[in-house]
Amino acid sequence: MNTNNSLEQVMDRYYNTFMERNDMEQIVVTPQYVDEHREEMENMVRMFTLYPDYLIDLITPADSYFKLFFYQRIFLRVGMRYQEVSGTFPRAYSKSFLDFILNVIKGIVLPGAKGFVCADTKKQAAMIVEEKMNEVFRLFPFFVNELKISEVDKAKKKYGNVGSDYAEMKFRNDSQMDIVNTTNAGRGGRRHLGNLEEFAFMDGDNVNEVVIPLLNVDRRTVAGLLNPTEPHAQQIMITTAGYKNTYAHDRVLECLVRMALEPGKAFCFGGDYRIPVMHGLLSVDKVKDKMQSSSYKLESFLREYCSV
């Protein structure tokens, strides 16, 4: 079967039709319905796995002003398709926001997947997850229906178990996401995919000895099989720019080389302040103030806003 043609047919038949309708009828998924529409449902899941931005388009409430920018669509597609991803971006790039959306979509389309968000400390990781959890679920109420929470918690907008130094989110299909840090506290666990936030400032030895070994076991499908097209042990390393002659800098270069040698497995990309400024996510006046400030070092500006 030609996968590209199949996806195009699914988009023409379902996606474009759904986007034009304002009165989507509610479908009760029964065993009989699954048997009769199995191929169609598989094609839909395949499409949303490769094109997660289409899922966001579909579930965005009709009265919402939210709309994905082009670069955000690229970010989401890259995060679903590659085993190793390195992204260096400035502030206001919405990188943590997009990262969290990726974790939610993976939790939905990959049953039983165990993911983690890692930062230098658990407090930092918990703060990132809690902030993005509230933001994403407010924008896309559809996602809340996929969480394993009570009706009481749903009414209270309590989407997971979150504290000052811990955070956990569970899905109805037994997928889950939590946080780890780079110390020995993370040893012994097993995960299938991970997101490393502000990777540039992590200790390389701890990442190699504590974080990466968490990904030693590949996810199996509900049928107990390995999916050969799935990016197993996926690592997404997102950060603002750091310094040369560090572990993070070497890993970015390794990812870039792997992208050239194994283009289907690794993706290395980045961006500077001009992208969020172009889309109104960052004020150009704020950037000018930083550039003209005599107390703000040039190297700090290049690192924070130019990803150098």
C-alpha atoms as a PDB file:
ATOM      1  CA  MET A   1       0.000   0.000   0.000  1.00  0.00           C
ATOM      2  CA  ASN A   2       1.308   3.458  -0.877  1.00  0.00           C
ATOM      3  CA  THR A   3       1.411   5.235   2.484  1.00  0.00           C
ATOM      4  CA  ASN A   4       1.519   8.742   1.022  1.00  0.00           C
ATOM      5  CA  ASN A   5      -1.523   8.144  -1.173  1.00  0.00           C
ATOM      6  CA  SER A   6      -3.339   6.542   1.739  1.00  0.00           C
ATOM      7  CA  LEU A   7      -2.709   9.583   3.953  1.00  0.00           C
ATOM      8  CA  GLU A   8      -3.826  11.952   1.222  1.00  0.00           C
ATOM      9  CA  GLN A   9      -7.059   9.998   0.805  1.00  0.00           C
ATOM     10  CA  VAL A  10      -7.697  10.070   4.550  1.00  0.00           C
ATOM     11  CA  MET A  11      -7.120  13.830   4.641  1.00  0.00           C
ATOM     12  CA  ASP A  12      -9.454  14.430   1.715  1.00  0.00           C
ATOM     13  CA  ARG A  13     -12.164  12.163   3.061  1.00  0.00           C
ATOM     14  CA  TYR A  14     -12.088  12.989   6.770  1.00  0.00           C
ATOM     15  CA  TYR A  15      -9.833  15.808   7.865  1.00  0.00           C
ATOM     16  CA  ASN A  16     -10.936  18.456   5.378  1.00  0.00           C
ATOM     17  CA  THR A  17     -14.563  17.436   5.834  1.00  0.00           C
ATOM     18  CA  PHE A  18     -14.336  17.668   9.638  1.00  0.00           C
ATOM     19  CA  MET A  19     -12.748  21.099   9.492  1.00  0.00           C
ATOM     20  CA  GLU A  20     -15.653  22.410   7.404  1.00  0.00           C
ATOM     21  CA  ARG A  21     -18.337  21.038   9.723  1.00  0.00           C
ATOM     22  CA  ASN A  22     -19.622  22.810  12.797  1.00  0.00           C
ATOM     23  CA  ASP A  23     -21.991  20.070  13.960  1.00  0.00           C
ATOM     24  CA  MET A  24     -19.842  16.934  14.251  1.00  0.00           C
ATOM     25  CA  GLU A  25     -22.115  14.086  15.238  1.00  0.00           C
ATOM     26  CA  GLN A  26     -21.134  12.076  18.263  1.00  0.00           C
ATOM     27  CA  ILE A  27     -19.993   8.535  17.463  1.00  0.00           C
ATOM     28  CA  VAL A  28     -20.299   5.742  19.993  1.00  0.00           C
ATOM     29  CA  VAL A  29     -17.327   3.430  19.492  1.00  0.00           C
ATOM     30  CA  THR A  30     -18.542  -0.144  19.900  1.00  0.00           C
ATOM     31  CA  PRO A  31     -16.812  -3.418  18.916  1.00  0.00           C
ATOM     32  CA  GLN A  32     -19.108  -3.572  15.895  1.00  0.00           C
ATOM     33  CA  TYR A  33     -18.207  -0.025  14.860  1.00  0.00           C
ATOM     34  CA  VAL A  34     -14.490  -0.830  15.149  1.00  0.00           C
ATOM     35  CA  ASP A  35     -14.871  -3.951  13.009  1.00  0.00           C
ATOM     36  CA  GLU A  36     -16.717  -2.023  10.313  1.00  0.00           C
ATOM     37  CA  HIS A  37     -14.354   0.966  10.278  1.00  0.00           C
ATOM     38  CA  ARG A  38     -11.064  -0.605  11.322  1.00  0.00           C
ATOM     39  CA  GLU A  39      -9.017   0.450   8.287  1.00  0.00           C
ATOM     40  CA  GLU A  40     -10.384   3.994   8.405  1.00  0.00           C
ATOM     41  CA  MET A  41      -9.584   4.328  12.113  1.00  0.00           C
ATOM     42  CA  GLU A  42      -6.071   2.958  11.617  1.00  0.00           C
ATOM     43  CA  ASN A  43      -5.473   5.473   8.839  1.00  0.00           C
ATOM     44  CA  MET A  44      -6.676   8.300  11.064  1.00  0.00           C
ATOM     45  CA  VAL A  45      -4.315   7.287  13.885  1.00  0.00           C
ATOM     46  CA  ARG A  46      -1.473   6.963  11.390  1.00  0.00           C
ATOM     47  CA  MET A  47      -2.170  10.431  10.030  1.00  0.00           C
ATOM     48  CA  PHE A  48      -2.311  12.061  13.472  1.00  0.00           C
ATOM     49  CA  THR A  49       0.918  10.287  14.469  1.00  0.00           C
ATOM     50  CA  LEU A  50       2.781  11.704  11.471  1.00  0.00           C
ATOM     51  CA  TYR A  51       0.901  15.014  11.353  1.00  0.00           C
ATOM     52  CA  PRO A  52       0.074  15.949  14.966  1.00  0.00           C
ATOM     53  CA  ASP A  53      -0.643  19.520  13.894  1.00  0.00           C
ATOM     54  CA  TYR A  54      -3.711  18.258  12.001  1.00  0.00           C
ATOM     55  CA  LEU A  55      -5.033  16.816  15.248  1.00  0.00           C
ATOM     56  CA  ILE A  56      -4.551  20.209  16.913  1.00  0.00           C
ATOM     57  CA  ASP A  57      -6.478  21.852  14.057  1.00  0.00           C
ATOM     58  CA  LEU A  58      -9.297  19.382  14.476  1.00  0.00           C
ATOM     59  CA  ILE A  59      -9.714  19.647  18.262  1.00  0.00           C
ATOM     60  CA  THR A  60      -9.267  23.420  18.606  1.00  0.00           C
ATOM     61  CA  PRO A  61     -12.598  24.793  19.875  1.00  0.00           C
ATOM     62  CA  ALA A  62     -14.632  26.713  17.315  1.00  0.00           C
ATOM     63  CA  ASP A  63     -14.617  29.864  19.483  1.00  0.00           C
ATOM     64  CA  SER A  64     -10.840  29.771  20.025  1.00  0.00           C
ATOM     65  CA  TYR A  65      -8.459  32.248  18.442  1.00  0.00           C
ATOM     66  CA  PHE A  66      -5.573  29.784  18.674  1.00  0.00           C
ATOM     67  CA  LYS A  67      -3.835  28.847  15.452  1.00  0.00           C
ATOM     68  CA  LEU A  68      -0.557  27.044  14.911  1.00  0.00           C
ATOM     69  CA  PHE A  69       2.216  28.923  13.154  1.00  0.00           C
ATOM     70  CA  PHE A  70       4.159  27.253  10.365  1.00  0.00           C
ATOM     71  CA  TYR A  71       7.315  26.762  12.446  1.00  0.00           C
ATOM     72  CA  GLN A  72       5.219  25.161  15.212  1.00  0.00           C
ATOM     73  CA  ARG A  73       3.857  22.633  12.739  1.00  0.00           C
ATOM     74  CA  ILE A  74       7.417  21.740  11.774  1.00  0.00           C
ATOM     75  CA  PHE A  75       8.339  21.373  15.457  1.00  0.00           C
ATOM     76  CA  LEU A  76       5.425  19.022  16.163  1.00  0.00           C
ATOM     77  CA  ARG A  77       6.036  16.826  13.110  1.00  0.00           C
ATOM     78  CA  VAL A  78       9.746  16.523  13.905  1.00  0.00           C
ATOM     79  CA  GLY A  79       8.987  15.597  17.515  1.00  0.00           C
ATOM     80  CA  MET A  80       6.737  12.720  16.436  1.00  0.00           C
ATOM     81  CA  ARG A  81       8.951  11.216  13.733  1.00  0.00           C
ATOM     82  CA  TYR A  82      12.582  11.118  14.866  1.00  0.00           C
ATOM     83  CA  GLN A  83      14.395   9.028  17.453  1.00  0.00           C
ATOM     84  CA  GLU A  84      16.815  11.814  18.386  1.00  0.00           C
ATOM     85  CA  VAL A  85      15.945  15.507  18.203  1.00  0.00           C
ATOM     86  CA  SER A  86      18.090  18.477  19.126  1.00  0.00           C
ATOM     87  CA  GLY A  87      16.520  21.947  19.142  1.00  0.00           C
ATOM     88  CA  THR A  88      18.216  25.194  20.181  1.00  0.00           C
ATOM     89  CA  PHE A  89      15.812  28.101  20.402  1.00  0.00           C
ATOM     90  CA  PRO A  90      15.550  31.530  22.075  1.00  0.00           C
ATOM     91  CA  ARG A  91      13.093  32.552  24.759  1.00  0.00           C
ATOM     92  CA  ALA A  92       9.452  33.102  23.760  1.00  0.00           C
ATOM     93  CA  TYR A  93       9.766  30.379  21.103  1.00  0.00           C
ATOM     94  CA  SER A  94       7.014  28.312  22.837  1.00  0.00           C
ATOM     95  CA  LYS A  95       9.344  25.307  22.915  1.00  0.00           C
ATOM     96  CA  SER A  96       8.142  23.947  26.274  1.00  0.00           C
ATOM     97  CA  PHE A  97       4.522  24.464  25.205  1.00  0.00           C
ATOM     98  CA  LEU A  98       5.045  22.467  22.012  1.00  0.00           C
ATOM     99  CA  ASP A  99       7.052  19.866  23.900  1.00  0.00           C
ATOM    100  CA  PHE A 100       4.156  19.278  26.291  1.00  0.00           C
ATOM    101  CA  ILE A 101       1.661  18.958  23.421  1.00  0.00           C
ATOM    102  CA  LEU A 102       3.926  16.300  21.918  1.00  0.00           C
ATOM    103  CA  ASN A 103       3.922  14.349  25.182  1.00  0.00           C
ATOM    104  CA  VAL A 104       0.118  14.435  25.342  1.00  0.00           C
ATOM    105  CA  ILE A 105      -0.353  13.293  21.745  1.00  0.00           C
ATOM    106  CA  LYS A 106       2.190  10.491  22.186  1.00  0.00           C
ATOM    107  CA  GLY A 107       0.371   9.392  25.310  1.00  0.00           C
ATOM    108  CA  ILE A 108      -2.833   9.131  23.267  1.00  0.00           C
ATOM    109  CA  VAL A 109      -1.581   7.438  20.085  1.00  0.00           C
ATOM    110  CA  LEU A 110       0.984   5.152  21.790  1.00  0.00           C
ATOM    111  CA  PRO A 111      -0.923   3.027  24.358  1.00  0.00           C
ATOM    112  CA  GLY A 112       1.130   2.072  27.384  1.00  0.00           C
ATOM    113  CA  ALA A 113       3.877   4.584  26.602  1.00  0.00           C
ATOM    114  CA  LYS A 114       5.882   5.860  29.561  1.00  0.00           C
ATOM    115  CA  GLY A 115       7.408   9.272  29.006  1.00  0.00           C
ATOM    116  CA  PHE A 116       9.320  11.692  31.172  1.00  0.00           C
ATOM    117  CA  VAL A 117      10.277  15.334  31.315  1.00  0.00           C
ATOM    118  CA  CYS A 118      13.756  15.951  32.669  1.00  0.00           C
ATOM    119  CA  ALA A 119      15.295  19.155  33.957  1.00  0.00           C
ATOM    120  CA  ASP A 120      18.329  19.861  36.081  1.00  0.00           C
ATOM    121  CA  THR A 121      16.155  19.684  39.213  1.00  0.00           C
ATOM    122  CA  LYS A 122      12.759  18.103  39.886  1.00  0.00           C
ATOM    123  CA  LYS A 123      11.434  21.450  41.096  1.00  0.00           C
ATOM    124  CA  GLN A 124      12.219  23.031  37.745  1.00  0.00           C
ATOM    125  CA  ALA A 125      10.686  20.105  35.827  1.00  0.00           C
ATOM    126  CA  ALA A 126       7.521  20.131  37.980  1.00  0.00           C
ATOM    127  CA  MET A 127       7.118  23.875  37.468  1.00  0.00           C
ATOM    128  CA  ILE A 128       7.378  23.484  33.676  1.00  0.00           C
ATOM    129  CA  VAL A 129       4.890  20.589  33.569  1.00  0.00           C
ATOM    130  CA  GLU A 130       2.320  22.273  35.827  1.00  0.00           C
ATOM    131  CA  GLU A 131       2.428  25.530  33.878  1.00  0.00           C
ATOM    132  CA  LYS A 132       2.089  23.868  30.472  1.00  0.00           C
ATOM    133  CA  MET A 133      -0.488  21.385  31.727  1.00  0.00           C
ATOM    134  CA  ASN A 134      -2.846  24.189  32.716  1.00  0.00           C
ATOM    135  CA  GLU A 135      -2.208  26.100  29.497  1.00  0.00           C
ATOM    136  CA  VAL A 136      -2.599  23.181  27.063  1.00  0.00           C
ATOM    137  CA  PHE A 137      -5.690  21.642  28.672  1.00  0.00           C
ATOM    138  CA  ARG A 138      -7.363  25.039  28.827  1.00  0.00           C
ATOM    139  CA  LEU A 139      -6.758  25.551  25.111  1.00  0.00           C
ATOM    140  CA  PHE A 140      -7.699  21.992  24.101  1.00  0.00           C
ATOM    141  CA  PRO A 141     -10.410  20.531  26.391  1.00  0.00           C
ATOM    142  CA  PHE A 142     -10.537  17.462  24.128  1.00  0.00           C
ATOM    143  CA  PHE A 143      -7.279  16.224  25.653  1.00  0.00           C
ATOM    144  CA  VAL A 144      -8.827  16.128  29.126  1.00  0.00           C
ATOM    145  CA  ASN A 145     -11.151  13.333  28.008  1.00  0.00           C
ATOM    146  CA  GLU A 146      -8.098  11.122  27.428  1.00  0.00           C
ATOM    147  CA  LEU A 147      -6.796  11.509  30.984  1.00  0.00           C
ATOM    148  CA  LYS A 148      -7.390   9.013  33.756  1.00  0.00           C
ATOM    149  CA  ILE A 149      -8.952  11.419  36.256  1.00  0.00           C
ATOM    150  CA  SER A 150     -12.200  11.558  38.190  1.00  0.00           C
ATOM    151  CA  GLU A 151     -15.100  13.837  37.307  1.00  0.00           C
ATOM    152  CA  VAL A 152     -14.405  15.758  40.509  1.00  0.00           C
ATOM    153  CA  ASP A 153     -10.789  16.410  39.504  1.00  0.00           C
ATOM    154  CA  LYS A 154     -11.926  17.353  36.008  1.00  0.00           C
ATOM    155  CA  ALA A 155     -14.334  19.929  37.466  1.00  0.00           C
ATOM    156  CA  LYS A 156     -11.542  21.286  39.687  1.00  0.00           C
ATOM    157  CA  LYS A 157      -9.218  21.401  36.649  1.00  0.00           C
ATOM    158  CA  LYS A 158      -6.826  19.073  38.436  1.00  0.00           C
ATOM    159  CA  TYR A 159      -5.309  17.148  35.540  1.00  0.00           C
ATOM    160  CA  GLY A 160      -2.622  15.160  37.305  1.00  0.00           C
ATOM    161  CA  ASN A 161      -0.710  14.591  40.494  1.00  0.00           C
ATOM    162  CA  VAL A 162       1.477  17.688  40.777  1.00  0.00           C
ATOM    163  CA  GLY A 163       3.536  19.073  43.646  1.00  0.00           C
ATOM    164  CA  SER A 164       6.565  21.264  44.209  1.00  0.00           C
ATOM    165  CA  ASP A 165       9.015  18.562  43.114  1.00  0.00           C
ATOM    166  CA  TYR A 166       6.864  15.899  41.438  1.00  0.00           C
ATOM    167  CA  ALA A 167       4.380  15.646  38.590  1.00  0.00           C
ATOM    168  CA  GLU A 168       2.564  12.726  37.028  1.00  0.00           C
ATOM    169  CA  MET A 169      -0.095  12.490  34.347  1.00  0.00           C
ATOM    170  CA  LYS A 170      -1.947   9.268  33.444  1.00  0.00           C
ATOM    171  CA  PHE A 171      -3.986   8.420  30.367  1.00  0.00           C
ATOM    172  CA  ARG A 172      -6.966   6.136  29.937  1.00  0.00           C
ATOM    173  CA  ASN A 173      -4.943   3.780  27.698  1.00  0.00           C
ATOM    174  CA  ASP A 174      -2.333   3.223  30.472  1.00  0.00           C
ATOM    175  CA  SER A 175       0.176   5.686  29.066  1.00  0.00           C
ATOM    176  CA  GLN A 176       1.760   8.012  31.579  1.00  0.00           C
ATOM    177  CA  MET A 177       4.209  10.888  31.895  1.00  0.00           C
ATOM    178  CA  ASP A 178       6.201  12.014  34.906  1.00  0.00           C
ATOM    179  CA  ILE A 179       9.338  13.957  35.738  1.00  0.00           C
ATOM    180  CA  VAL A 180      12.866  12.897  36.639  1.00  0.00           C
ATOM    181  CA  ASN A 181      16.027  14.792  37.423  1.00  0.00           C
ATOM    182  CA  THR A 182      19.643  14.165  36.566  1.00  0.00           C
ATOM    183  CA  THR A 183      20.714  12.827  39.958  1.00  0.00           C
ATOM    184  CA  ASN A 184      20.712   9.288  41.296  1.00  0.00           C
ATOM    185  CA  ALA A 185      17.079   9.726  42.328  1.00  0.00           C
ATOM    186  CA  GLY A 186      16.133   8.766  38.776  1.00  0.00           C
ATOM    187  CA  ARG A 187      17.984   5.443  38.744  1.00  0.00           C
ATOM    188  CA  GLY A 188      16.205   2.132  38.274  1.00  0.00           C
ATOM    189  CA  GLY A 189      13.120   3.327  36.394  1.00  0.00           C
ATOM    190  CA  ARG A 190      12.099   2.436  32.861  1.00  0.00           C
ATOM    191  CA  ARG A 191      10.665   4.808  30.268  1.00  0.00           C
ATOM    192  CA  HIS A 192      10.038   4.675  26.523  1.00  0.00           C
ATOM    193  CA  LEU A 193      10.653   8.312  25.572  1.00  0.00           C
ATOM    194  CA  GLY A 194      11.987  11.436  27.188  1.00  0.00           C
ATOM    195  CA  ASN A 195      12.179  15.200  26.858  1.00  0.00           C
ATOM    196  CA  LEU A 196      15.218  17.006  28.235  1.00  0.00           C
ATOM    197  CA  GLU A 197      14.379  20.634  29.008  1.00  0.00           C
ATOM    198  CA  GLU A 198      17.163  23.261  29.071  1.00  0.00           C
ATOM    199  CA  PHE A 199      19.562  20.528  28.088  1.00  0.00           C
ATOM    200  CA  ALA A 200      22.527  22.894  27.709  1.00  0.00           C
ATOM    201  CA  PHE A 201      22.966  23.242  31.461  1.00  0.00           C
ATOM    202  CA  MET A 202      22.758  19.563  32.432  1.00  0.00           C
ATOM    203  CA  ASP A 203      25.682  17.534  33.710  1.00  0.00           C
ATOM    204  CA  GLY A 204      26.813  15.188  30.926  1.00  0.00           C
ATOM    205  CA  ASP A 205      27.863  12.346  33.219  1.00  0.00           C
ATOM    206  CA  ASN A 206      24.491  12.353  34.972  1.00  0.00           C
ATOM    207  CA  VAL A 207      22.614  12.397  31.675  1.00  0.00           C
ATOM    208  CA  ASN A 208      24.614   9.420  30.376  1.00  0.00           C
ATOM    209  CA  GLU A 209      24.584   7.418  33.610  1.00  0.00           C
ATOM    210  CA  VAL A 210      21.112   8.200  34.999  1.00  0.00           C
ATOM    211  CA  VAL A 211      18.772   9.605  32.335  1.00  0.00           C
ATOM    212  CA  ILE A 212      19.661   7.744  29.124  1.00  0.00           C
ATOM    213  CA  PRO A 213      19.592   4.267  30.797  1.00  0.00           C
ATOM    214  CA  LEU A 214      15.909   4.891  31.620  1.00  0.00           C
ATOM    215  CA  LEU A 215      15.236   4.293  27.918  1.00  0.00           C
ATOM    216  CA  ASN A 216      16.689   0.773  27.733  1.00  0.00           C
ATOM    217  CA  VAL A 217      13.316  -0.947  27.196  1.00  0.00           C
ATOM    218  CA  ASP A 218      11.305  -0.365  24.006  1.00  0.00           C
ATOM    219  CA  ARG A 219       7.540   0.114  24.118  1.00  0.00           C
ATOM    220  CA  ARG A 220       5.417  -2.791  22.944  1.00  0.00           C
ATOM    221  CA  THR A 221       1.980  -2.475  21.418  1.00  0.00           C
ATOM    222  CA  VAL A 222      -1.195  -3.746  23.085  1.00  0.00           C
ATOM    223  CA  ALA A 223      -0.618  -6.984  21.159  1.00  0.00           C
ATOM    224  CA  GLY A 224       2.840  -7.314  22.741  1.00  0.00           C
ATOM    225  CA  LEU A 225       4.711  -6.548  19.508  1.00  0.00           C
ATOM    226  CA  LEU A 226       7.388  -4.005  18.645  1.00  0.00           C
ATOM    227  CA  ASN A 227       6.373  -1.374  16.127  1.00  0.00           C
ATOM    228  CA  PRO A 228       9.328  -1.165  13.684  1.00  0.00           C
ATOM    229  CA  THR A 229       8.330   2.322  12.476  1.00  0.00           C
ATOM    230  CA  GLU A 230       8.134   3.849  15.945  1.00  0.00           C
ATOM    231  CA  PRO A 231      11.087   5.987  17.165  1.00  0.00           C
ATOM    232  CA  HIS A 232      11.951   3.819  20.171  1.00  0.00           C
ATOM    233  CA  ALA A 233      13.939   5.287  23.090  1.00  0.00           C
ATOM    234  CA  GLN A 234      13.195   8.733  21.736  1.00  0.00           C
ATOM    235  CA  GLN A 235      15.222  11.635  23.121  1.00  0.00           C
ATOM    236  CA  ILE A 236      14.125  15.215  22.499  1.00  0.00           C
ATOM    237  CA  MET A 237      16.695  17.730  23.716  1.00  0.00           C
ATOM    238  CA  ILE A 238      15.325  21.278  23.769  1.00  0.00           C
ATOM    239  CA  THR A 239      17.225  24.251  25.126  1.00  0.00           C
ATOM    240  CA  THR A 240      18.361  27.824  24.845  1.00  0.00           C
ATOM    241  CA  ALA A 241      21.960  28.098  23.688  1.00  0.00           C
ATOM    242  CA  GLY A 242      24.746  27.134  26.066  1.00  0.00           C
ATOM    243  CA  TYR A 243      28.519  27.127  25.713  1.00  0.00           C
ATOM    244  CA  LYS A 244      31.117  25.443  23.572  1.00  0.00           C
ATOM    245  CA  ASN A 245      33.314  22.675  24.981  1.00  0.00           C
ATOM    246  CA  THR A 246      30.394  21.243  27.008  1.00  0.00           C
ATOM    247  CA  TYR A 247      28.602  17.914  26.873  1.00  0.00           C
ATOM    248  CA  ALA A 248      25.469  19.538  25.446  1.00  0.00           C
ATOM    249  CA  HIS A 249      27.418  21.249  22.669  1.00  0.00           C
ATOM    250  CA  ASP A 250      29.055  17.930  21.718  1.00  0.00           C
ATOM    251  CA  ARG A 251      25.662  16.178  21.693  1.00  0.00           C
ATOM    252  CA  VAL A 252      24.221  18.818  19.366  1.00  0.00           C
ATOM    253  CA  LEU A 253      27.120  18.244  16.972  1.00  0.00           C
ATOM    254  CA  GLU A 254      26.647  14.474  17.220  1.00  0.00           C
ATOM    255  CA  CYS A 255      22.962  14.882  16.400  1.00  0.00           C
ATOM    256  CA  LEU A 256      23.834  17.079  13.423  1.00  0.00           C
ATOM    257  CA  VAL A 257      26.279  14.471  12.090  1.00  0.00           C
ATOM    258  CA  ARG A 258      23.762  11.680  12.659  1.00  0.00           C
ATOM    259  CA  MET A 259      21.152  13.722  10.805  1.00  0.00           C
ATOM    260  CA  ALA A 260      23.461  13.682   7.766  1.00  0.00           C
ATOM    261  CA  LEU A 261      24.341   9.991   8.067  1.00  0.00           C
ATOM    262  CA  GLU A 262      20.929   8.673   9.213  1.00  0.00           C
ATOM    263  CA  PRO A 263      18.415  11.291   8.030  1.00  0.00           C
ATOM    264  CA  GLY A 264      15.446   9.161   9.039  1.00  0.00           C
ATOM    265  CA  LYS A 265      16.481   8.891  12.689  1.00  0.00           C
ATOM    266  CA  ALA A 266      17.880  12.242  13.822  1.00  0.00           C
ATOM    267  CA  PHE A 267      16.927  15.879  13.372  1.00  0.00           C
ATOM    268  CA  CYS A 268      18.919  18.903  14.511  1.00  0.00           C
ATOM    269  CA  PHE A 269      17.461  22.387  14.177  1.00  0.00           C
ATOM    270  CA  GLY A 270      17.253  25.800  15.800  1.00  0.00           C
ATOM    271  CA  GLY A 271      16.044  29.364  15.483  1.00  0.00           C
ATOM    272  CA  ASP A 272      16.642  32.905  16.700  1.00  0.00           C
ATOM    273  CA  TYR A 273      14.558  35.824  17.997  1.00  0.00           C
ATOM    274  CA  ARG A 274      13.288  36.811  14.537  1.00  0.00           C
ATOM    275  CA  ILE A 275      10.802  33.916  14.420  1.00  0.00           C
ATOM    276  CA  PRO A 276       8.878  34.727  17.654  1.00  0.00           C
ATOM    277  CA  VAL A 277       9.079  38.451  16.791  1.00  0.00           C
ATOM    278  CA  MET A 278       7.575  37.777  13.357  1.00  0.00           C
ATOM    279  CA  HIS A 279       4.614  35.985  14.959  1.00  0.00           C
ATOM    280  CA  GLY A 280       4.045  38.463  17.767  1.00  0.00           C
ATOM    281  CA  LEU A 281       5.272  36.146  20.529  1.00  0.00           C
ATOM    282  CA  LEU A 282       8.152  38.453  21.413  1.00  0.00           C
ATOM    283  CA  SER A 283       8.162  42.244  21.384  1.00  0.00           C
ATOM    284  CA  VAL A 284      10.680  43.781  19.013  1.00  0.00           C
ATOM    285  CA  ASP A 285      11.036  46.686  21.458  1.00  0.00           C
ATOM    286  CA  LYS A 286      12.174  44.280  24.148  1.00  0.00           C
ATOM    287  CA  VAL A 287      14.826  42.889  21.817  1.00  0.00           C
ATOM    288  CA  LYS A 288      16.008  46.414  20.931  1.00  0.00           C
ATOM    289  CA  ASP A 289      16.216  47.350  24.603  1.00  0.00           C
ATOM    290  CA  LYS A 290      18.473  44.351  25.245  1.00  0.00           C
ATOM    291  CA  MET A 291      20.663  45.176  22.249  1.00  0.00           C
ATOM    292  CA  GLN A 292      21.077  48.810  23.296  1.00  0.00           C
ATOM    293  CA  SER A 293      21.571  48.203  26.992  1.00  0.00           C
ATOM    294  CA  SER A 294      25.148  48.967  28.053  1.00  0.00           C
ATOM    295  CA  SER A 295      24.885  46.555  30.987  1.00  0.00           C
ATOM    296  CA  TYR A 296      23.791  43.596  28.844  1.00  0.00           C
ATOM    297  CA  LYS A 297      26.726  41.626  27.454  1.00  0.00           C
ATOM    298  CA  LEU A 298      26.830  40.876  23.750  1.00  0.00           C
ATOM    299  CA  GLU A 299      27.592  37.208  24.382  1.00  0.00           C
ATOM    300  CA  SER A 300      24.491  36.978  26.600  1.00  0.00           C
ATOM    301  CA  PHE A 301      22.340  38.496  23.859  1.00  0.00           C
ATOM    302  CA  LEU A 302      23.774  36.138  21.240  1.00  0.00           C
ATOM    303  CA  ARG A 303      23.159  33.159  23.501  1.00  0.00           C
ATOM    304  CA  GLU A 304      19.667  34.060  24.761  1.00  0.00           C
ATOM    305  CA  TYR A 305      18.190  35.583  21.608  1.00  0.00           C
ATOM    306  CA  CYS A 306      20.306  34.413  18.663  1.00  0.00           C
ATOM    307  CA  SER A 307      20.905  30.781  19.769  1.00  0.00           C
ATOM    308  CA  VAL A 308      24.656  31.185  19.306  1.00  0.00           C
END
